[in-house]
Structure formats: structure tokens, C-alpha cells
Amino acid sequence: MPKRFQQADGPPYPVDRHSGWSIGANGLTAAGQNELLKQIGRQLQSDYQDILKEPAPDRIRELLERLEARSNHVDGQEDL
């Protein structure tokens, strides 16, 4: 059985606390990174399009309506 690197209180792999999460796009230009993010967005929309078409649950819709009414009141607009 292979040995696993594990500290007594840590994960079973070494952790570099000074590195940020990366999708491996560090070598891309700004335009390349922008295109990559667009592709990820398109894929997520495609994967979740059925869910996006569903109406919001009543409780969420009510909260959004209250938030919008409060925002309109703060902006000095009257609710019609």
C-alpha cells in the first residue's frame, strides 16, 4: 500500500499557504484569460439553463420585491 504524506493535524497532502487558487491560466494573455472566463460562463449557462428558466421560489421572490421597494424608497422614488 502506498504511503501517504500526512501531518498529524493536517491534510494528506502538502499545503502551500502562500499560493492562491489557480485554474492554470497564468500563462495566458489578458485577452486569453478573458476568453477562458467567457467559455466557462457559456458552459455554466448551458449546464444550468433549465434551472435558470425556473421561477424563483415564492419566498425569494417576496424578498426581492421587498429589497426593490426599499431601494426605490431610499432613492427617493415612490412605489406605484
C-alpha atoms as a PDB file:
ATOM      1  CA  MET A   1       0.000   0.000   0.000  1.00  0.00           C
ATOM      2  CA  PRO A   2       1.467   3.427  -0.926  1.00  0.00           C
ATOM      3  CA  LYS A   3       2.490   5.752   1.847  1.00  0.00           C
ATOM      4  CA  ARG A   4       0.559   8.971   2.233  1.00  0.00           C
ATOM      5  CA  PHE A   5       2.085  12.237   3.326  1.00  0.00           C
ATOM      6  CA  GLN A   6       0.059  13.395   6.294  1.00  0.00           C
ATOM      7  CA  GLN A   7       0.849  15.677   9.154  1.00  0.00           C
ATOM      8  CA  ALA A   8      -0.730  14.912  12.487  1.00  0.00           C
ATOM      9  CA  ASP A   9      -3.229  17.799  12.228  1.00  0.00           C
ATOM     10  CA  GLY A  10      -3.151  18.485   8.508  1.00  0.00           C
ATOM     11  CA  PRO A  11      -4.448  17.280   5.165  1.00  0.00           C
ATOM     12  CA  PRO A  12      -2.985  14.222   3.403  1.00  0.00           C
ATOM     13  CA  TYR A  13      -1.020  16.476   1.014  1.00  0.00           C
ATOM     14  CA  PRO A  14       1.411  19.356   1.419  1.00  0.00           C
ATOM     15  CA  VAL A  15      -0.214  22.767   1.507  1.00  0.00           C
ATOM     16  CA  ASP A  16       1.448  25.947   0.271  1.00  0.00           C
ATOM     17  CA  ARG A  17      -0.356  28.630   2.259  1.00  0.00           C
ATOM     18  CA  HIS A  18       1.119  31.442   0.150  1.00  0.00           C
ATOM     19  CA  SER A  19      -0.250  30.414  -3.218  1.00  0.00           C
ATOM     20  CA  GLY A  20      -3.696  31.367  -4.468  1.00  0.00           C
ATOM     21  CA  TRP A  21      -6.123  29.113  -6.242  1.00  0.00           C
ATOM     22  CA  SER A  22      -5.484  28.924  -9.952  1.00  0.00           C
ATOM     23  CA  ILE A  23      -7.142  27.375 -12.974  1.00  0.00           C
ATOM     24  CA  GLY A  24      -3.786  27.013 -14.687  1.00  0.00           C
ATOM     25  CA  ALA A  25      -4.239  30.093 -16.849  1.00  0.00           C
ATOM     26  CA  ASN A  26      -1.237  32.010 -15.566  1.00  0.00           C
ATOM     27  CA  GLY A  27       0.499  31.794 -18.946  1.00  0.00           C
ATOM     28  CA  LEU A  28      -2.431  33.324 -20.836  1.00  0.00           C
ATOM     29  CA  THR A  29      -2.559  36.898 -22.025  1.00  0.00           C
ATOM     30  CA  ALA A  30      -5.265  39.186 -20.656  1.00  0.00           C
ATOM     31  CA  ALA A  31      -7.312  38.519 -23.814  1.00  0.00           C
ATOM     32  CA  GLY A  32      -6.789  34.769 -23.406  1.00  0.00           C
ATOM     33  CA  GLN A  33      -7.886  34.876 -19.771  1.00  0.00           C
ATOM     34  CA  ASN A  34     -10.937  36.913 -20.774  1.00  0.00           C
ATOM     35  CA  GLU A  35     -11.864  34.353 -23.440  1.00  0.00           C
ATOM     36  CA  LEU A  36     -11.354  31.488 -20.987  1.00  0.00           C
ATOM     37  CA  LEU A  37     -13.720  33.114 -18.488  1.00  0.00           C
ATOM     38  CA  LYS A  38     -16.292  33.668 -21.249  1.00  0.00           C
ATOM     39  CA  GLN A  39     -16.071  29.989 -22.206  1.00  0.00           C
ATOM     40  CA  ILE A  40     -16.528  28.939 -18.588  1.00  0.00           C
ATOM     41  CA  GLY A  41     -19.568  31.235 -18.325  1.00  0.00           C
ATOM     42  CA  ARG A  42     -21.092  29.819 -21.506  1.00  0.00           C
ATOM     43  CA  GLN A  43     -20.557  26.269 -20.269  1.00  0.00           C
ATOM     44  CA  LEU A  44     -22.160  27.047 -16.894  1.00  0.00           C
ATOM     45  CA  GLN A  45     -25.150  28.668 -18.621  1.00  0.00           C
ATOM     46  CA  SER A  46     -25.500  25.632 -20.859  1.00  0.00           C
ATOM     47  CA  ASP A  47     -25.262  23.214 -17.934  1.00  0.00           C
ATOM     48  CA  TYR A  48     -27.766  25.109 -15.787  1.00  0.00           C
ATOM     49  CA  GLN A  49     -30.137  26.595 -18.402  1.00  0.00           C
ATOM     50  CA  ASP A  50     -33.092  24.502 -17.214  1.00  0.00           C
ATOM     51  CA  ILE A  51     -32.624  25.734 -13.652  1.00  0.00           C
ATOM     52  CA  LEU A  52     -32.234  29.341 -14.838  1.00  0.00           C
ATOM     53  CA  LYS A  53     -35.626  29.118 -16.581  1.00  0.00           C
ATOM     54  CA  GLU A  54     -37.421  28.046 -13.409  1.00  0.00           C
ATOM     55  CA  PRO A  55     -39.265  30.756 -11.497  1.00  0.00           C
ATOM     56  CA  ALA A  56     -37.788  31.851  -8.197  1.00  0.00           C
ATOM     57  CA  PRO A  57     -39.413  30.298  -5.122  1.00  0.00           C
ATOM     58  CA  ASP A  58     -42.154  32.467  -3.576  1.00  0.00           C
ATOM     59  CA  ARG A  59     -40.048  33.332  -0.519  1.00  0.00           C
ATOM     60  CA  ILE A  60     -37.109  34.509  -2.655  1.00  0.00           C
ATOM     61  CA  ARG A  61     -39.428  36.484  -4.954  1.00  0.00           C
ATOM     62  CA  GLU A  62     -41.026  38.206  -1.943  1.00  0.00           C
ATOM     63  CA  LEU A  63     -37.620  39.101  -0.506  1.00  0.00           C
ATOM     64  CA  LEU A  64     -36.501  40.520  -3.867  1.00  0.00           C
ATOM     65  CA  GLU A  65     -39.674  42.610  -4.111  1.00  0.00           C
ATOM     66  CA  ARG A  66     -39.102  43.991  -0.594  1.00  0.00           C
ATOM     67  CA  LEU A  67     -35.484  44.778  -1.418  1.00  0.00           C
ATOM     68  CA  GLU A  68     -36.500  46.559  -4.618  1.00  0.00           C
ATOM     69  CA  ALA A  69     -39.196  48.566  -2.764  1.00  0.00           C
ATOM     70  CA  ARG A  70     -36.666  49.564  -0.100  1.00  0.00           C
ATOM     71  CA  SER A  71     -34.142  50.550  -2.782  1.00  0.00           C
ATOM     72  CA  ASN A  72     -36.761  52.677  -4.559  1.00  0.00           C
ATOM     73  CA  HIS A  73     -37.705  54.349  -1.270  1.00  0.00           C
ATOM     74  CA  VAL A  74     -34.051  55.161  -0.482  1.00  0.00           C
ATOM     75  CA  ASP A  75     -33.565  56.579  -3.980  1.00  0.00           C
ATOM     76  CA  GLY A  76     -36.459  58.975  -3.352  1.00  0.00           C
ATOM     77  CA  GLN A  77     -38.806  57.213  -5.722  1.00  0.00           C
ATOM     78  CA  GLU A  78     -42.334  56.435  -4.702  1.00  0.00           C
ATOM     79  CA  ASP A  79     -43.742  52.944  -5.098  1.00  0.00           C
ATOM     80  CA  LEU A  80     -46.565  52.938  -7.620  1.00  0.00           C
END
